[in-house]
Protein backbone atom coordinates (compact mmCIF):
# COMPACT_ATOMS: atom_id res chain seq x y z
CA MET A 1 0.00 0.00 0.00
CA ASP A 2 3.03 2.26 -0.40
CA THR A 3 1.91 3.07 -3.95
CA PHE A 4 -1.91 3.00 -3.80
CA VAL A 5 -5.02 3.36 -1.64
CA PRO A 6 -6.98 0.10 -1.33
CA GLY A 7 -10.15 -0.10 -3.40
CA THR A 8 -9.62 3.18 -5.28
CA ASP A 9 -8.49 4.27 -8.72
CA ASN A 10 -4.76 3.67 -8.34
CA ASP A 11 -5.21 0.19 -6.82
CA PRO A 12 -4.01 -2.50 -9.28
CA ASP A 13 -6.80 -4.80 -8.02
CA PRO A 14 -9.54 -2.72 -6.33
CA THR A 15 -11.87 -5.72 -5.96
CA ARG A 16 -9.96 -7.21 -3.02
CA LEU A 17 -11.37 -7.62 0.47
CA PHE A 18 -10.09 -5.85 3.58
CA ALA A 19 -8.81 -9.23 4.75
CA ASP A 20 -6.75 -9.66 1.56
CA TYR A 21 -4.90 -6.38 2.08
CA ARG A 22 -4.19 -7.18 5.74
CA ARG A 23 -2.97 -10.66 4.84
CA GLN A 24 -0.54 -9.23 2.32
CA ALA A 25 0.65 -6.59 4.78
CA TYR A 26 1.37 -9.23 7.42
CA GLU A 27 3.21 -11.37 4.88
CA ASN A 28 5.38 -8.39 3.98
CA VAL A 29 6.14 -7.68 7.63
CA ASP A 30 6.92 -11.35 8.25
CA THR A 31 9.29 -11.51 5.28
CA ALA A 32 11.07 -8.30 6.28
CA GLY A 33 11.33 -9.42 9.89
CA HIS A 34 13.04 -12.68 8.98
CA VAL A 35 15.50 -10.78 6.78
CA ILE A 36 16.37 -8.25 9.49
CA TRP A 37 16.29 -10.66 12.46
CA PRO A 38 16.87 -14.14 10.99
CA GLY A 39 15.87 -16.89 13.37
CA ALA A 40 14.65 -14.43 16.00
CA PHE A 41 11.53 -12.85 14.48
CA GLU A 42 7.99 -14.07 15.15
CA LEU A 43 4.71 -12.40 14.14
CA THR A 44 2.01 -13.96 16.33
CA GLU A 45 -1.75 -14.05 15.83
CA ALA A 46 -2.14 -12.10 19.08
CA GLN A 47 0.08 -9.33 17.72
CA LYS A 48 -1.97 -9.20 14.52
CA ALA A 49 -5.21 -9.01 16.49
CA LYS A 50 -3.97 -5.91 18.32
CA VAL A 51 -3.59 -3.93 15.09
CA ASP A 52 -6.34 -5.48 12.94
CA GLY A 53 -8.92 -2.89 13.93
CA ASP A 54 -6.63 0.08 13.32
CA ILE A 55 -5.61 -1.19 9.87
CA TYR A 56 -9.26 -1.87 8.98
CA GLU A 57 -10.37 1.60 10.04
CA THR A 58 -7.46 3.30 8.23
CA MET A 59 -8.19 1.46 4.97
CA GLU A 60 -11.90 2.29 5.12
CA ALA A 61 -11.27 5.95 5.97
CA ALA A 62 -8.76 6.28 3.10
CA ALA A 63 -11.13 4.67 0.58
CA LEU A 64 -13.95 6.97 1.71
CA TRP A 65 -11.64 10.00 1.47
CA ASN A 66 -10.77 9.16 -2.15
CA ALA A 67 -14.39 8.44 -3.06
CA ALA A 68 -15.37 11.83 -1.61
CA ALA A 69 -12.61 13.50 -3.65
CA VAL A 70 -14.19 12.05 -6.81
CA TRP A 71 -17.60 13.32 -5.67
CA ASN A 72 -16.19 16.80 -4.97
CA SER A 73 -14.57 16.97 -8.40
CA PHE A 74 -17.92 16.04 -9.94
CA MET A 75 -19.66 18.73 -7.88
CA ASP A 76 -17.29 21.35 -9.34
CA THR A 77 -16.99 20.12 -12.94
CA GLY A 78 -19.99 17.93 -13.72
CA VAL A 79 -17.57 15.25 -14.97
CA TRP A 80 -17.31 11.88 -13.21
CA SER A 81 -13.59 11.08 -13.21
CA SER A 82 -13.35 7.66 -11.55
CA ALA A 83 -13.03 4.31 -13.30
CA VAL A 84 -13.46 2.38 -10.04
CA PHE A 85 -16.41 4.21 -8.50
CA THR A 86 -19.74 4.56 -10.30
CA GLN A 87 -21.52 7.90 -10.42
CA PRO A 88 -24.39 7.70 -7.92
CA LYS A 89 -27.88 7.73 -9.37
CA ASN A 90 -29.53 11.15 -9.13
CA ALA A 91 -26.25 12.92 -8.32
CA VAL A 92 -26.59 16.55 -9.40
CA PRO A 93 -23.38 18.60 -9.66
CA SER A 94 -23.47 21.64 -7.39
CA PRO A 95 -20.32 23.29 -5.97
CA ALA A 96 -22.15 23.99 -2.70
CA ARG A 97 -22.69 20.26 -2.03
CA LYS A 98 -19.13 19.10 -1.56
CA VAL A 99 -18.40 16.74 1.34
CA ALA A 100 -15.54 15.86 3.65
CA ILE A 101 -15.36 12.33 5.06
CA VAL A 102 -13.15 12.73 8.10
CA LYS A 103 -11.30 10.16 10.19
CA MET A 104 -11.54 11.38 13.77
CA ALA A 105 -8.71 10.78 16.21
CA ARG A 106 -9.42 8.46 19.12
CA GLY A 107 -10.47 10.60 22.07
CA ALA A 108 -10.66 13.78 20.00
CA ASP A 109 -12.94 16.58 21.22
CA THR A 110 -15.61 16.75 18.52
CA THR A 111 -16.80 20.13 19.81
CA LEU A 112 -13.54 21.67 18.54
CA ILE A 113 -14.77 21.46 14.94
CA LEU A 114 -17.83 23.56 15.79
CA ASN A 115 -17.76 27.29 15.09
CA ASP A 116 -17.97 29.79 17.95
CA LYS A 117 -21.75 30.12 17.85
CA ALA A 118 -22.44 26.39 17.81
CA ARG A 119 -19.83 25.70 20.45
CA ALA A 120 -21.34 28.33 22.74
CA GLU A 121 -24.76 26.69 22.35
CA TYR A 122 -23.29 23.31 23.26
CA LYS A 123 -21.32 24.81 26.16
CA ALA A 124 -24.46 26.40 27.61
CA PHE A 125 -26.20 23.01 27.47
CA GLU A 126 -23.21 21.29 29.06
CA VAL A 127 -22.90 23.84 31.89
CA ALA A 128 -26.63 23.57 32.64
CA LEU A 129 -26.19 19.83 33.18
CA GLN A 130 -22.98 20.25 35.19
CA THR A 131 -24.72 22.58 37.65
CA ARG A 132 -27.00 19.64 38.43
CA GLY A 133 -24.12 17.19 38.72
CA MET A 134 -24.68 15.59 35.31
CA GLU A 135 -23.17 15.53 31.82
CA LEU A 136 -23.91 14.35 28.29
CA LYS A 137 -20.74 14.61 26.25
CA LEU A 138 -20.73 14.87 22.47
CA SER A 139 -19.23 11.57 21.34
CA THR A 140 -16.41 11.12 18.84
CA PRO A 141 -17.33 8.67 16.05
CA ASP A 142 -14.61 6.89 14.10
CA ILE A 143 -15.59 8.66 10.86
CA LEU A 144 -17.73 11.73 10.21
CA GLY A 145 -19.39 12.72 6.94
CA LEU A 146 -19.67 16.51 6.69
CA ARG A 147 -21.12 18.99 4.25
CA MET A 148 -18.41 21.54 3.50
CA PRO A 149 -19.42 25.09 4.44
CA ASP A 150 -19.90 27.45 1.49
CA PRO A 151 -17.72 29.42 0.98
CA MET A 152 -15.23 26.67 1.77
CA PRO A 153 -12.80 27.36 4.64
CA GLU A 154 -9.16 26.74 3.71
CA GLY A 155 -8.92 23.77 6.10
CA PHE A 156 -11.20 21.74 3.82
CA ARG A 157 -8.91 22.05 0.79
CA PRO A 158 -7.11 18.72 1.41
CA PHE A 159 -10.42 16.88 0.95
CA LEU A 160 -10.58 17.99 -2.69
CA SER A 161 -7.64 15.76 -3.66
CA PRO A 162 -7.35 11.96 -3.34
CA LEU A 163 -4.69 10.40 -1.14
CA PRO A 164 -2.01 8.86 -3.41
CA ASP A 165 -1.11 5.96 -1.12
CA LEU A 166 -1.05 4.78 2.48
CA THR A 167 2.54 5.66 3.32
CA HIS A 168 3.27 7.24 6.70
CA GLY A 169 2.91 10.72 5.22
CA SER A 170 -0.53 9.98 3.77
CA GLN A 171 -1.67 8.37 6.99
CA GLU A 172 -0.58 11.51 8.82
CA ILE A 173 -2.79 13.60 6.51
CA LEU A 174 -5.69 11.19 7.08
CA ASP A 175 -5.28 11.19 10.85
CA THR A 176 -4.81 14.93 11.37
CA ALA A 177 -7.11 16.50 8.74
CA TRP A 178 -9.83 16.97 11.37
CA GLN A 179 -7.57 19.49 13.12
CA GLY A 180 -7.54 21.74 10.05
CA ILE A 181 -11.32 22.17 10.09
CA GLN A 182 -11.63 23.19 13.72
CA GLY A 183 -13.93 26.12 14.39
CA THR A 184 -15.83 25.88 11.08
CA LEU A 185 -19.06 23.88 11.51
CA GLU A 186 -22.64 24.20 12.65
CA GLY A 187 -25.09 21.39 13.40
CA ARG A 188 -26.45 21.57 9.84
CA HIS A 189 -23.11 20.51 8.37
CA PHE A 190 -23.18 17.01 9.92
CA LEU A 191 -24.48 14.37 7.49
CA PHE A 192 -23.51 10.99 8.92
CA ALA A 193 -21.28 9.18 11.39
CA ILE A 194 -19.74 5.71 11.10
CA ALA A 195 -18.67 3.37 13.88
CA VAL A 196 -16.03 1.05 12.38
CA LYS A 197 -15.17 -2.32 13.95
CA THR A 198 -13.82 -5.59 12.61
CA SER A 199 -16.20 -7.33 15.04
CA THR A 200 -17.90 -6.73 18.36
CA ARG A 201 -18.73 -8.76 21.45
CA SER A 202 -22.23 -8.96 22.89
CA ASP A 203 -21.24 -6.87 25.91
CA ARG A 204 -19.97 -4.05 23.67
CA LEU A 205 -22.95 -3.78 21.32
CA TYR A 206 -24.55 -1.00 23.34
CA GLN A 207 -21.55 1.33 23.02
CA ALA A 208 -22.54 2.26 19.45
CA LEU A 209 -26.22 2.56 20.41
CA PHE A 210 -25.39 5.00 23.20
CA GLU A 211 -23.07 6.96 20.91
CA ALA A 212 -25.74 7.18 18.21
CA ASN A 213 -28.43 8.40 20.62
CA VAL A 214 -26.18 11.05 22.17
CA LEU A 215 -24.96 12.31 18.80
CA LYS A 216 -28.48 12.55 17.40
CA TYR A 217 -29.80 14.37 20.45
CA ILE A 218 -27.02 16.95 20.65
CA LEU A 219 -26.82 17.65 16.92
CA GLY A 220 -30.57 17.56 16.32
CA TYR A 221 -31.90 19.24 19.45
CA VAL A 222 -29.10 21.23 21.10
CA LEU A 223 -27.51 22.45 17.86
CA ARG A 224 -30.74 22.29 15.83
CA GLY A 225 -29.22 20.50 12.85
CA PRO A 226 -30.98 18.08 10.48
CA ALA A 227 -31.27 14.40 11.36
CA ILE A 228 -27.81 12.84 11.16
CA LYS A 229 -27.50 9.25 9.95
CA PHE A 230 -25.52 6.79 12.04
CA HIS A 231 -23.91 3.72 10.46
CA ALA A 232 -22.25 0.69 12.03
CA HIS A 233 -19.68 -0.95 9.73
CA LEU A 234 -18.38 -4.36 10.72
CA GLU A 235 -16.29 -6.98 8.94
CA THR A 236 -18.22 -9.80 10.59
CA PHE A 237 -21.51 -10.16 12.45
CA ALA A 238 -20.33 -13.34 14.18
CA ASN A 239 -20.23 -13.79 17.98
CA ALA A 240 -23.05 -11.30 18.67
CA ASP A 241 -26.60 -10.55 17.55
CA VAL A 242 -25.47 -7.37 15.83
CA VAL A 243 -28.38 -7.05 13.42
CA GLY A 244 -30.95 -7.80 16.11
CA ARG A 245 -29.61 -5.40 18.73
CA TYR A 246 -29.10 -2.62 16.21
CA LYS A 247 -32.79 -2.57 15.38
CA ALA A 248 -33.25 -0.52 18.56
CA ALA A 249 -35.29 2.67 18.13
CA SER A 250 -33.60 6.02 18.70
CA MET A 251 -34.65 7.78 21.87
CA THR A 252 -34.92 11.12 20.05
CA SER A 253 -37.39 9.75 17.51
CA LEU A 254 -39.55 8.28 20.27
CA LEU A 255 -39.57 11.54 22.22
CA ALA A 256 -40.47 13.51 19.10
CA GLY A 257 -43.46 11.30 18.34
CA GLY A 258 -44.59 10.44 14.86
CA THR A 259 -42.79 7.65 13.02
CA PRO A 260 -40.01 6.03 15.10
CA ALA A 261 -36.54 5.64 13.56
CA LYS A 262 -33.61 3.42 14.44
CA ALA A 263 -30.72 4.77 16.50
CA ILE A 264 -28.29 3.06 14.15
CA ASP A 265 -29.78 3.76 10.76
CA GLU A 266 -27.79 1.09 8.96
CA THR A 267 -25.75 -1.94 9.99
CA TYR A 268 -23.45 -2.74 7.09
CA LEU A 269 -21.21 -5.75 6.49
CA ALA A 270 -18.12 -3.92 5.22
CA LEU A 271 -16.02 -6.53 3.45
CA SER A 272 -14.14 -4.52 0.83
CA PRO A 273 -12.89 -0.91 0.65
CA ARG A 274 -14.28 -0.28 -2.84
CA ASP A 275 -17.77 -1.61 -2.14
CA THR A 276 -17.96 0.18 1.20
CA ALA A 277 -16.95 3.51 -0.34
CA GLN A 278 -19.39 3.03 -3.24
CA HIS A 279 -22.15 2.25 -0.74
CA ILE A 280 -21.59 5.60 0.99
CA LEU A 281 -21.26 7.44 -2.32
CA ASP A 282 -24.64 6.09 -3.43
CA GLN A 283 -26.30 7.66 -0.39
CA LEU A 284 -24.91 11.18 -0.81
CA PRO A 285 -27.68 12.35 -3.21
CA GLU A 286 -30.27 11.44 -0.54
CA PHE A 287 -29.28 14.32 1.77
CA PRO A 288 -31.65 17.24 1.06
CA LEU A 289 -29.40 19.89 2.65
């Protein structure tokens, strides 16, 4: 992956699965290790398991970044430039509808990407709870889908160009791009959030449900934005009733009355970078704002 981004236009075989890319990466590490430390190097399954999730999330985030770059080019030019990704049905080119699909750092303060007005609104809400000895923190999803403000702040410029590869330099861009858009957003700019996991245990299923409910309440009610979509992307549904548990209704939709909606709008079996990125691309024309 030093010369391409998995599942995108410069990938020599974009049809591969996430598991195929990881397998090749581990084989490369194993080969290099035995060359550098002959007879003393061992790459165990436990060691692989510790980094599987990070590699999976990085590959998905990079594929989504490059798919969004194709979308943004189409929004500006009206020309679909990708041979790997298909132009979504009903996509209408409009420069004001560009998107940024952002990999958030673990433990990052999501409120930092809000502009002063939106952050003050959230802070007032937070302080009101704190005076009563409570809190409801804005969660940090693995990946956020955002509508770029118009006119576009300079910090969003990197999202107009695809990542060329997954070298350390490109990963640094992917991991830190969220810092460049701090102080720019209102609730209306949030389109979707994605929780990314290779798998999940039964006792951890409710983490994503809680995150989805909190995010939807704060963005929809405190910051008065449109309804954000929340996705759960997993490489396997084994070992837990993922589909069953993620049918849970969102608390905000129940409180609002009318037609209930799910907290996690979509539970998706994300097996390949290309198909996952295309799946998200296909949904972009559905957002009315």
